[in-house]
């Protein structure tokens, strides 16, 4: 991928980063799985770092499954719960 000098060097890397952020929120933070060990294992997962469009498509499909899972969990939280989760994730709680 051509480096463009933007935040994540290329459009491809920016799109991967967006999927990474969604995954952390949808799978870990919303479900309360935000321990350092759980997040460390997630960050080390090679499937989160595709280098080809084929790998990106596979990761995006995995992300779609996470989204469906989050649709199940989100209605179970109040707005207050979500604020608390955001504060925990940001280190402010």
Protein backbone atom coordinates (compact mmCIF):
# COMPACT_ATOMS: atom_id res chain seq x y z
CA UNK A 1 0.00 0.00 0.00
CA UNK A 2 1.27 3.45 -0.83
CA UNK A 3 2.24 5.57 2.18
CA UNK A 4 0.43 8.90 2.07
CA UNK A 5 1.86 10.58 5.16
CA UNK A 6 -1.49 10.53 6.96
CA UNK A 7 -2.11 9.32 10.50
CA UNK A 8 -1.95 5.63 9.65
CA UNK A 9 0.27 6.02 6.57
CA UNK A 10 -2.25 4.71 4.01
CA UNK A 11 -5.96 4.44 3.40
CA UNK A 12 -5.66 0.68 3.91
CA UNK A 13 -4.02 1.11 7.33
CA UNK A 14 -6.64 3.70 8.31
CA UNK A 15 -9.45 1.26 7.42
CA UNK A 16 -7.76 -1.50 9.43
CA UNK A 17 -7.47 0.90 12.38
CA UNK A 18 -11.21 1.65 12.18
CA UNK A 19 -11.98 -2.07 12.35
CA UNK A 20 -9.55 -2.43 15.28
CA UNK A 21 -11.30 0.32 17.25
CA UNK A 22 -14.76 -1.08 16.50
CA UNK A 23 -13.65 -4.52 17.60
CA UNK A 24 -12.33 -3.29 20.94
CA UNK A 25 -15.54 -1.39 21.69
CA UNK A 26 -18.02 -3.96 20.41
CA UNK A 27 -16.41 -7.12 21.69
CA UNK A 28 -14.52 -6.10 24.78
CA UNK A 29 -15.64 -2.79 26.27
CA UNK A 30 -19.41 -3.18 25.74
CA UNK A 31 -19.30 -6.71 27.12
CA UNK A 32 -17.18 -5.66 30.11
CA UNK A 33 -14.13 -7.65 29.00
CA UNK A 34 -11.64 -4.85 29.44
CA UNK A 35 -8.87 -6.41 31.51
CA UNK A 36 -5.29 -5.78 30.46
CA UNK A 37 -4.81 -9.50 29.81
CA UNK A 38 -7.88 -9.79 27.56
CA UNK A 39 -7.01 -6.66 25.62
CA UNK A 40 -3.35 -7.70 25.35
CA UNK A 41 -4.37 -11.03 23.83
CA UNK A 42 -6.66 -9.21 21.42
CA UNK A 43 -3.96 -6.75 20.36
CA UNK A 44 -1.55 -9.63 19.70
CA UNK A 45 -4.05 -11.43 17.44
CA UNK A 46 -2.42 -11.60 14.00
CA UNK A 47 -5.87 -11.60 12.34
CA UNK A 48 -6.29 -7.96 13.41
CA UNK A 49 -3.33 -6.85 11.29
CA UNK A 50 -4.09 -7.77 7.67
CA UNK A 51 -1.58 -6.74 5.02
CA UNK A 52 -3.67 -7.58 1.95
CA UNK A 53 -7.19 -6.77 0.79
CA UNK A 54 -8.08 -10.46 1.10
CA UNK A 55 -6.99 -10.37 4.73
CA UNK A 56 -8.91 -7.13 5.22
CA UNK A 57 -12.09 -8.72 3.85
CA UNK A 58 -11.67 -11.69 6.21
CA UNK A 59 -11.18 -9.33 9.16
CA UNK A 60 -14.17 -7.22 8.11
CA UNK A 61 -16.34 -10.35 8.02
CA UNK A 62 -15.18 -11.22 11.52
CA UNK A 63 -16.03 -7.64 12.51
CA UNK A 64 -19.56 -8.09 11.15
CA UNK A 65 -20.03 -11.06 13.47
CA UNK A 66 -18.85 -8.88 16.38
CA UNK A 67 -21.37 -6.22 15.38
CA UNK A 68 -24.20 -8.76 15.51
CA UNK A 69 -23.01 -9.83 18.95
CA UNK A 70 -22.96 -6.19 20.13
CA UNK A 71 -26.53 -5.71 18.89
CA UNK A 72 -27.45 -8.34 21.46
CA UNK A 73 -25.54 -6.69 24.33
CA UNK A 74 -26.22 -2.99 23.76
CA UNK A 75 -29.96 -3.06 24.60
CA UNK A 76 -29.03 -4.58 27.95
CA UNK A 77 -27.17 -1.39 28.97
CA UNK A 78 -28.55 1.94 30.09
CA UNK A 79 -26.95 5.18 28.88
CA UNK A 80 -25.39 5.45 32.35
CA UNK A 81 -23.79 2.01 31.91
CA UNK A 82 -22.27 3.07 28.59
CA UNK A 83 -20.84 6.26 30.12
CA UNK A 84 -19.30 4.17 32.90
CA UNK A 85 -17.79 1.78 30.37
CA UNK A 86 -16.37 4.70 28.39
CA UNK A 87 -14.83 6.17 31.54
CA UNK A 88 -13.29 2.83 32.46
CA UNK A 89 -11.88 2.46 28.94
CA UNK A 90 -10.41 5.96 29.02
CA UNK A 91 -8.86 5.46 32.46
CA UNK A 92 -11.00 8.17 34.07
CA UNK A 93 -12.99 5.83 36.33
